[in-house]
Amino acid sequence: MNKHVEKAKELRNATPMVHNCAQTIMEVYADDLGINKELANHLGCNFGGGMKCGSVCGAITSGLMILGAKGIDSPAKVNQFIKTISNNHHGLINCADLLKENAKNGGQKKPHCDGMIQEVIELIDQMEKEND
């Protein structure tokens, strides 16, 4: 399994769980970016829950931050990233909409968010490999 996904699962399964979606992704890549875990958590703290107001999913926004930090910032690549995730979720990228759709289909919040985190991490790593 992907080392970044493994680390994310560790963070999300800790008791008590203290990492939102954005913080999880930021901390998973902290070492890669040369920042400490505390800074990574501070950077991601206000992006969970769709910037704490149901807007764009925190996993997606942190994914974009990681891509930018890794030098993947062309409009085409950013659009590809967003479009890939959007296409996987019936055109939805906002946290509130994603959670509503998930609940409508009988899903629970944590497994849904964990799935979004994994999806974003796998896409980041794939795009990074393609960029090399």
N, C-alpha and C. Protein backbone atom coordinates (compact mmCIF):
# COMPACT_ATOMS: atom_id res chain seq x y z
N MET A 1 0.84 -1.19 0.00
CA MET A 1 0.00 0.00 0.00
C MET A 1 0.89 1.25 0.00
N ASN A 2 0.37 2.29 -0.52
CA ASN A 2 1.01 3.61 -0.59
C ASN A 2 1.38 4.11 0.82
N LYS A 3 2.64 4.53 1.00
CA LYS A 3 3.10 4.99 2.33
C LYS A 3 2.31 6.20 2.82
N HIS A 4 1.90 7.08 1.90
CA HIS A 4 1.12 8.25 2.31
C HIS A 4 -0.28 7.84 2.77
N VAL A 5 -0.87 6.88 2.09
CA VAL A 5 -2.20 6.38 2.48
C VAL A 5 -2.11 5.69 3.84
N GLU A 6 -1.06 4.90 4.04
CA GLU A 6 -0.88 4.22 5.33
C GLU A 6 -0.79 5.22 6.48
N LYS A 7 0.00 6.28 6.29
CA LYS A 7 0.16 7.30 7.32
C LYS A 7 -1.17 8.01 7.58
N ALA A 8 -1.92 8.29 6.51
CA ALA A 8 -3.22 8.95 6.66
C ALA A 8 -4.17 8.07 7.48
N LYS A 9 -4.17 6.79 7.20
CA LYS A 9 -5.04 5.88 7.95
C LYS A 9 -4.66 5.85 9.43
N GLU A 10 -3.37 5.86 9.69
CA GLU A 10 -2.88 5.92 11.08
C GLU A 10 -3.42 7.15 11.79
N LEU A 11 -3.28 8.30 11.14
CA LEU A 11 -3.74 9.56 11.74
C LEU A 11 -5.25 9.56 11.96
N ARG A 12 -5.98 9.07 10.98
CA ARG A 12 -7.45 9.10 11.07
C ARG A 12 -8.00 8.06 12.04
N ASN A 13 -7.22 7.01 12.32
CA ASN A 13 -7.70 5.97 13.24
C ASN A 13 -7.20 6.16 14.66
N ALA A 14 -6.42 7.23 14.88
CA ALA A 14 -5.94 7.52 16.24
C ALA A 14 -7.12 7.87 17.13
N THR A 15 -6.97 7.55 18.41
CA THR A 15 -8.03 7.89 19.37
C THR A 15 -7.46 8.83 20.41
N PRO A 16 -8.03 10.00 20.61
CA PRO A 16 -9.12 10.55 19.79
C PRO A 16 -8.59 11.03 18.44
N MET A 17 -9.48 11.05 17.45
CA MET A 17 -9.09 11.55 16.13
C MET A 17 -9.07 13.07 16.20
N VAL A 18 -7.93 13.66 15.91
CA VAL A 18 -7.79 15.11 16.03
C VAL A 18 -7.47 15.79 14.70
N HIS A 19 -7.37 15.02 13.63
CA HIS A 19 -7.00 15.58 12.33
C HIS A 19 -8.21 15.66 11.41
N ASN A 20 -8.49 16.86 10.89
CA ASN A 20 -9.51 16.95 9.87
C ASN A 20 -8.90 16.47 8.55
N CYS A 21 -9.69 16.46 7.50
CA CYS A 21 -9.21 15.96 6.19
C CYS A 21 -7.98 16.72 5.71
N ALA A 22 -8.04 18.02 5.78
CA ALA A 22 -6.93 18.84 5.29
C ALA A 22 -5.68 18.65 6.14
N GLN A 23 -5.83 18.62 7.44
CA GLN A 23 -4.68 18.42 8.32
C GLN A 23 -4.04 17.07 8.07
N THR A 24 -4.84 16.06 7.84
CA THR A 24 -4.31 14.72 7.58
C THR A 24 -3.40 14.74 6.37
N ILE A 25 -3.88 15.30 5.28
CA ILE A 25 -3.09 15.32 4.05
C ILE A 25 -1.85 16.19 4.23
N MET A 26 -1.99 17.33 4.86
CA MET A 26 -0.83 18.19 5.08
C MET A 26 0.23 17.48 5.92
N GLU A 27 -0.18 16.78 6.98
CA GLU A 27 0.80 16.10 7.83
C GLU A 27 1.45 14.92 7.11
N VAL A 28 0.68 14.22 6.31
CA VAL A 28 1.21 13.08 5.57
C VAL A 28 2.38 13.49 4.67
N TYR A 29 2.31 14.70 4.11
CA TYR A 29 3.35 15.18 3.20
C TYR A 29 4.36 16.11 3.86
N ALA A 30 4.24 16.34 5.17
CA ALA A 30 5.11 17.29 5.86
C ALA A 30 6.59 16.97 5.63
N ASP A 31 6.98 15.73 5.84
CA ASP A 31 8.40 15.36 5.66
C ASP A 31 8.85 15.60 4.23
N ASP A 32 8.01 15.24 3.25
CA ASP A 32 8.34 15.45 1.84
C ASP A 32 8.60 16.93 1.54
N LEU A 33 7.86 17.79 2.25
CA LEU A 33 7.96 19.23 1.99
C LEU A 33 8.98 19.93 2.88
N GLY A 34 9.55 19.20 3.81
CA GLY A 34 10.54 19.79 4.70
C GLY A 34 9.95 20.71 5.75
N ILE A 35 8.70 20.42 6.14
CA ILE A 35 8.07 21.21 7.22
C ILE A 35 7.75 20.26 8.37
N ASN A 36 7.63 20.82 9.57
CA ASN A 36 7.31 19.95 10.70
C ASN A 36 5.80 19.71 10.77
N LYS A 37 5.45 18.66 11.50
CA LYS A 37 4.05 18.24 11.59
C LYS A 37 3.16 19.32 12.22
N GLU A 38 3.71 20.07 13.15
CA GLU A 38 2.94 21.13 13.81
C GLU A 38 2.55 22.20 12.79
N LEU A 39 3.50 22.63 11.97
CA LEU A 39 3.19 23.61 10.94
C LEU A 39 2.19 23.05 9.94
N ALA A 40 2.37 21.80 9.55
CA ALA A 40 1.44 21.16 8.62
C ALA A 40 0.02 21.19 9.18
N ASN A 41 -0.12 20.89 10.46
CA ASN A 41 -1.45 20.90 11.08
C ASN A 41 -2.03 22.31 11.16
N HIS A 42 -1.18 23.28 11.44
CA HIS A 42 -1.66 24.67 11.47
C HIS A 42 -2.11 25.12 10.08
N LEU A 43 -1.35 24.73 9.05
CA LEU A 43 -1.72 25.11 7.68
C LEU A 43 -3.07 24.52 7.28
N GLY A 44 -3.34 23.29 7.72
CA GLY A 44 -4.58 22.63 7.32
C GLY A 44 -5.78 22.87 8.21
N CYS A 45 -5.57 23.47 9.38
CA CYS A 45 -6.64 23.52 10.38
C CYS A 45 -7.91 24.23 9.92
N ASN A 46 -7.80 25.24 9.10
CA ASN A 46 -8.99 26.00 8.69
C ASN A 46 -9.61 25.54 7.38
N PHE A 47 -9.08 24.44 6.82
CA PHE A 47 -9.61 23.97 5.54
C PHE A 47 -10.51 22.75 5.70
N GLY A 48 -10.52 22.12 6.87
CA GLY A 48 -11.42 20.99 7.10
C GLY A 48 -12.87 21.46 7.08
N GLY A 49 -13.75 20.54 6.73
CA GLY A 49 -15.18 20.89 6.68
C GLY A 49 -15.47 21.90 5.60
N GLY A 50 -14.66 21.90 4.57
CA GLY A 50 -14.89 22.87 3.48
C GLY A 50 -14.68 24.28 3.96
N MET A 51 -13.48 24.54 4.49
CA MET A 51 -13.11 25.83 5.06
C MET A 51 -14.05 26.20 6.21
N LYS A 52 -14.46 25.15 6.94
CA LYS A 52 -15.33 25.25 8.10
C LYS A 52 -16.71 25.81 7.78
N CYS A 53 -17.08 25.80 6.49
CA CYS A 53 -18.41 26.33 6.13
C CYS A 53 -19.06 25.52 5.01
N GLY A 54 -18.56 24.30 4.76
CA GLY A 54 -19.17 23.44 3.76
C GLY A 54 -18.76 23.72 2.33
N SER A 55 -17.78 24.58 2.13
CA SER A 55 -17.31 24.92 0.79
C SER A 55 -16.44 23.77 0.25
N VAL A 56 -15.45 24.07 -0.56
CA VAL A 56 -14.65 23.02 -1.21
C VAL A 56 -14.04 22.09 -0.16
N CYS A 57 -14.20 20.80 -0.39
CA CYS A 57 -13.70 19.73 0.49
C CYS A 57 -12.27 20.00 0.93
N GLY A 58 -12.00 19.82 2.22
CA GLY A 58 -10.67 20.04 2.77
C GLY A 58 -9.62 19.12 2.18
N ALA A 59 -10.00 17.91 1.82
CA ALA A 59 -9.04 16.99 1.18
C ALA A 59 -8.61 17.57 -0.16
N ILE A 60 -9.56 18.13 -0.89
CA ILE A 60 -9.25 18.71 -2.20
C ILE A 60 -8.37 19.94 -2.05
N THR A 61 -8.71 20.84 -1.14
CA THR A 61 -7.92 22.07 -0.99
C THR A 61 -6.51 21.76 -0.51
N SER A 62 -6.37 20.82 0.42
CA SER A 62 -5.03 20.47 0.87
C SER A 62 -4.26 19.76 -0.24
N GLY A 63 -4.96 18.98 -1.04
CA GLY A 63 -4.32 18.35 -2.20
C GLY A 63 -3.74 19.38 -3.15
N LEU A 64 -4.49 20.45 -3.36
CA LEU A 64 -4.00 21.53 -4.22
C LEU A 64 -2.79 22.23 -3.59
N MET A 65 -2.79 22.38 -2.27
CA MET A 65 -1.63 22.98 -1.60
C MET A 65 -0.40 22.09 -1.77
N ILE A 66 -0.58 20.78 -1.62
CA ILE A 66 0.54 19.85 -1.77
C ILE A 66 1.06 19.87 -3.21
N LEU A 67 0.16 19.83 -4.17
CA LEU A 67 0.60 19.89 -5.58
C LEU A 67 1.40 21.17 -5.83
N GLY A 68 0.91 22.30 -5.35
CA GLY A 68 1.62 23.57 -5.53
C GLY A 68 2.99 23.53 -4.90
N ALA A 69 3.08 22.97 -3.69
CA ALA A 69 4.36 22.88 -3.00
C ALA A 69 5.33 21.97 -3.74
N LYS A 70 4.81 21.04 -4.51
CA LYS A 70 5.64 20.12 -5.28
C LYS A 70 5.90 20.65 -6.69
N GLY A 71 5.48 21.89 -6.96
CA GLY A 71 5.75 22.51 -8.25
C GLY A 71 4.78 22.14 -9.35
N ILE A 72 3.67 21.51 -8.99
CA ILE A 72 2.65 21.16 -9.97
C ILE A 72 1.56 22.22 -9.86
N ASP A 73 1.66 23.24 -10.73
CA ASP A 73 0.78 24.39 -10.57
C ASP A 73 0.20 24.94 -11.87
N SER A 74 0.37 24.23 -12.96
CA SER A 74 -0.18 24.74 -14.22
C SER A 74 -1.71 24.65 -14.16
N PRO A 75 -2.39 25.61 -14.79
CA PRO A 75 -3.86 25.56 -14.80
C PRO A 75 -4.38 24.22 -15.33
N ALA A 76 -3.73 23.66 -16.34
CA ALA A 76 -4.18 22.38 -16.90
C ALA A 76 -4.11 21.26 -15.86
N LYS A 77 -3.01 21.21 -15.11
CA LYS A 77 -2.84 20.17 -14.09
C LYS A 77 -3.82 20.37 -12.93
N VAL A 78 -3.99 21.61 -12.50
CA VAL A 78 -4.94 21.90 -11.42
C VAL A 78 -6.35 21.52 -11.85
N ASN A 79 -6.71 21.90 -13.07
CA ASN A 79 -8.04 21.54 -13.58
C ASN A 79 -8.21 20.03 -13.70
N GLN A 80 -7.15 19.34 -14.13
CA GLN A 80 -7.19 17.88 -14.23
C GLN A 80 -7.45 17.26 -12.86
N PHE A 81 -6.75 17.77 -11.85
CA PHE A 81 -6.92 17.28 -10.48
C PHE A 81 -8.36 17.45 -10.02
N ILE A 82 -8.88 18.66 -10.15
CA ILE A 82 -10.24 18.95 -9.68
C ILE A 82 -11.26 18.16 -10.50
N LYS A 83 -11.09 18.11 -11.80
CA LYS A 83 -12.04 17.42 -12.67
C LYS A 83 -12.06 15.92 -12.38
N THR A 84 -10.89 15.33 -12.12
CA THR A 84 -10.83 13.90 -11.81
C THR A 84 -11.66 13.60 -10.57
N ILE A 85 -11.47 14.39 -9.53
CA ILE A 85 -12.22 14.16 -8.29
C ILE A 85 -13.70 14.45 -8.50
N SER A 86 -13.99 15.55 -9.14
CA SER A 86 -15.38 15.92 -9.42
C SER A 86 -16.09 14.81 -10.20
N ASN A 87 -15.43 14.28 -11.22
CA ASN A 87 -16.04 13.22 -12.03
C ASN A 87 -16.31 11.96 -11.21
N ASN A 88 -15.49 11.72 -10.21
CA ASN A 88 -15.69 10.54 -9.34
C ASN A 88 -16.85 10.72 -8.37
N HIS A 89 -17.35 11.96 -8.26
CA HIS A 89 -18.38 12.26 -7.26
C HIS A 89 -19.54 13.04 -7.87
N HIS A 90 -19.95 12.64 -9.05
CA HIS A 90 -21.14 13.22 -9.71
C HIS A 90 -21.07 14.74 -9.83
N GLY A 91 -19.87 15.26 -10.07
CA GLY A 91 -19.69 16.69 -10.26
C GLY A 91 -19.57 17.50 -8.98
N LEU A 92 -19.54 16.84 -7.84
CA LEU A 92 -19.52 17.53 -6.55
C LEU A 92 -18.09 17.69 -6.04
N ILE A 93 -17.79 18.88 -5.48
CA ILE A 93 -16.50 19.10 -4.81
C ILE A 93 -16.67 19.81 -3.47
N ASN A 94 -17.85 20.33 -3.19
CA ASN A 94 -18.07 21.01 -1.91
C ASN A 94 -18.37 19.99 -0.81
N CYS A 95 -17.76 20.21 0.33
CA CYS A 95 -17.89 19.31 1.48
C CYS A 95 -19.37 19.05 1.81
N ALA A 96 -20.15 20.09 1.96
CA ALA A 96 -21.55 19.92 2.35
C ALA A 96 -22.30 19.07 1.32
N ASP A 97 -22.07 19.31 0.04
CA ASP A 97 -22.75 18.55 -1.01
C ASP A 97 -22.29 17.09 -1.03
N LEU A 98 -20.98 16.88 -0.88
CA LEU A 98 -20.44 15.53 -0.86
C LEU A 98 -21.01 14.74 0.32
N LEU A 99 -21.07 15.38 1.49
CA LEU A 99 -21.60 14.69 2.67
C LEU A 99 -23.10 14.43 2.55
N LYS A 100 -23.83 15.37 1.96
CA LYS A 100 -25.27 15.19 1.75
C LYS A 100 -25.54 14.01 0.83
N GLU A 101 -24.79 13.95 -0.27
CA GLU A 101 -24.93 12.86 -1.23
C GLU A 101 -24.56 11.52 -0.58
N ASN A 102 -23.49 11.53 0.20
CA ASN A 102 -23.07 10.32 0.91
C ASN A 102 -24.16 9.85 1.87
N ALA A 103 -24.73 10.76 2.64
CA ALA A 103 -25.78 10.41 3.61
C ALA A 103 -27.03 9.90 2.88
N LYS A 104 -27.35 10.54 1.78
CA LYS A 104 -28.52 10.13 0.98
C LYS A 104 -28.37 8.67 0.52
N ASN A 105 -27.12 8.26 0.29
CA ASN A 105 -26.84 6.90 -0.14
C ASN A 105 -26.57 5.95 1.03
N GLY A 106 -26.84 6.43 2.25
CA GLY A 106 -26.70 5.58 3.44
C GLY A 106 -25.31 5.53 4.03
N GLY A 107 -24.41 6.39 3.55
CA GLY A 107 -23.04 6.38 4.04
C GLY A 107 -22.86 7.15 5.33
N GLN A 108 -21.79 6.84 6.04
CA GLN A 108 -21.43 7.56 7.26
C GLN A 108 -20.31 8.54 6.93
N LYS A 109 -20.19 9.57 7.76
CA LYS A 109 -19.24 10.66 7.49
C LYS A 109 -17.78 10.22 7.50
N LYS A 110 -17.32 9.58 8.57
CA LYS A 110 -15.89 9.26 8.67
C LYS A 110 -15.40 8.38 7.53
N PRO A 111 -16.08 7.28 7.22
CA PRO A 111 -15.59 6.47 6.09
C PRO A 111 -15.59 7.25 4.76
N HIS A 112 -16.57 8.13 4.59
CA HIS A 112 -16.59 8.95 3.37
C HIS A 112 -15.37 9.86 3.32
N CYS A 113 -15.11 10.56 4.42
CA CYS A 113 -13.97 11.49 4.47
C CYS A 113 -12.64 10.73 4.33
N ASP A 114 -12.55 9.59 4.98
CA ASP A 114 -11.34 8.76 4.84
C ASP A 114 -11.13 8.37 3.38
N GLY A 115 -12.22 8.05 2.70
CA GLY A 115 -12.14 7.71 1.27
C GLY A 115 -11.70 8.88 0.42
N MET A 116 -12.19 10.06 0.74
CA MET A 116 -11.78 11.27 0.01
C MET A 116 -10.29 11.51 0.21
N ILE A 117 -9.82 11.35 1.44
CA ILE A 117 -8.40 11.54 1.74
C ILE A 117 -7.56 10.57 0.92
N GLN A 118 -7.95 9.31 0.92
CA GLN A 118 -7.20 8.30 0.16
C GLN A 118 -7.20 8.63 -1.34
N GLU A 119 -8.35 9.00 -1.85
CA GLU A 119 -8.47 9.34 -3.28
C GLU A 119 -7.55 10.50 -3.64
N VAL A 120 -7.54 11.54 -2.82
CA VAL A 120 -6.69 12.71 -3.08
C VAL A 120 -5.21 12.33 -3.01
N ILE A 121 -4.83 11.57 -2.00
CA ILE A 121 -3.42 11.16 -1.86
C ILE A 121 -2.98 10.36 -3.08
N GLU A 122 -3.78 9.42 -3.48
CA GLU A 122 -3.42 8.59 -4.64
C GLU A 122 -3.29 9.43 -5.90
N LEU A 123 -4.16 10.43 -6.06
CA LEU A 123 -4.10 11.31 -7.22
C LEU A 123 -2.86 12.21 -7.17
N ILE A 124 -2.54 12.74 -5.99
CA ILE A 124 -1.32 13.55 -5.83
C ILE A 124 -0.11 12.72 -6.25
N ASP A 125 -0.01 11.51 -5.71
CA ASP A 125 1.16 10.68 -5.99
C ASP A 125 1.23 10.29 -7.47
N GLN A 126 0.10 10.03 -8.07
CA GLN A 126 0.06 9.72 -9.50
C GLN A 126 0.51 10.92 -10.33
N MET A 127 0.01 12.10 -10.01
CA MET A 127 0.37 13.31 -10.75
C MET A 127 1.85 13.64 -10.57
N GLU A 128 2.36 13.40 -9.37
CA GLU A 128 3.78 13.65 -9.11
C GLU A 128 4.66 12.73 -9.97
N LYS A 129 4.26 11.47 -10.06
CA LYS A 129 5.02 10.51 -10.90
C LYS A 129 4.99 10.94 -12.37
N GLU A 130 3.82 11.38 -12.83
CA GLU A 130 3.68 11.82 -14.22
C GLU A 130 4.50 13.07 -14.47
N ASN A 131 4.69 13.88 -13.44
CA ASN A 131 5.40 15.16 -13.56
C ASN A 131 6.92 14.98 -13.61
N ASP A 132 7.40 13.84 -13.09
CA ASP A 132 8.86 13.60 -13.04
C ASP A 132 9.46 13.37 -14.40
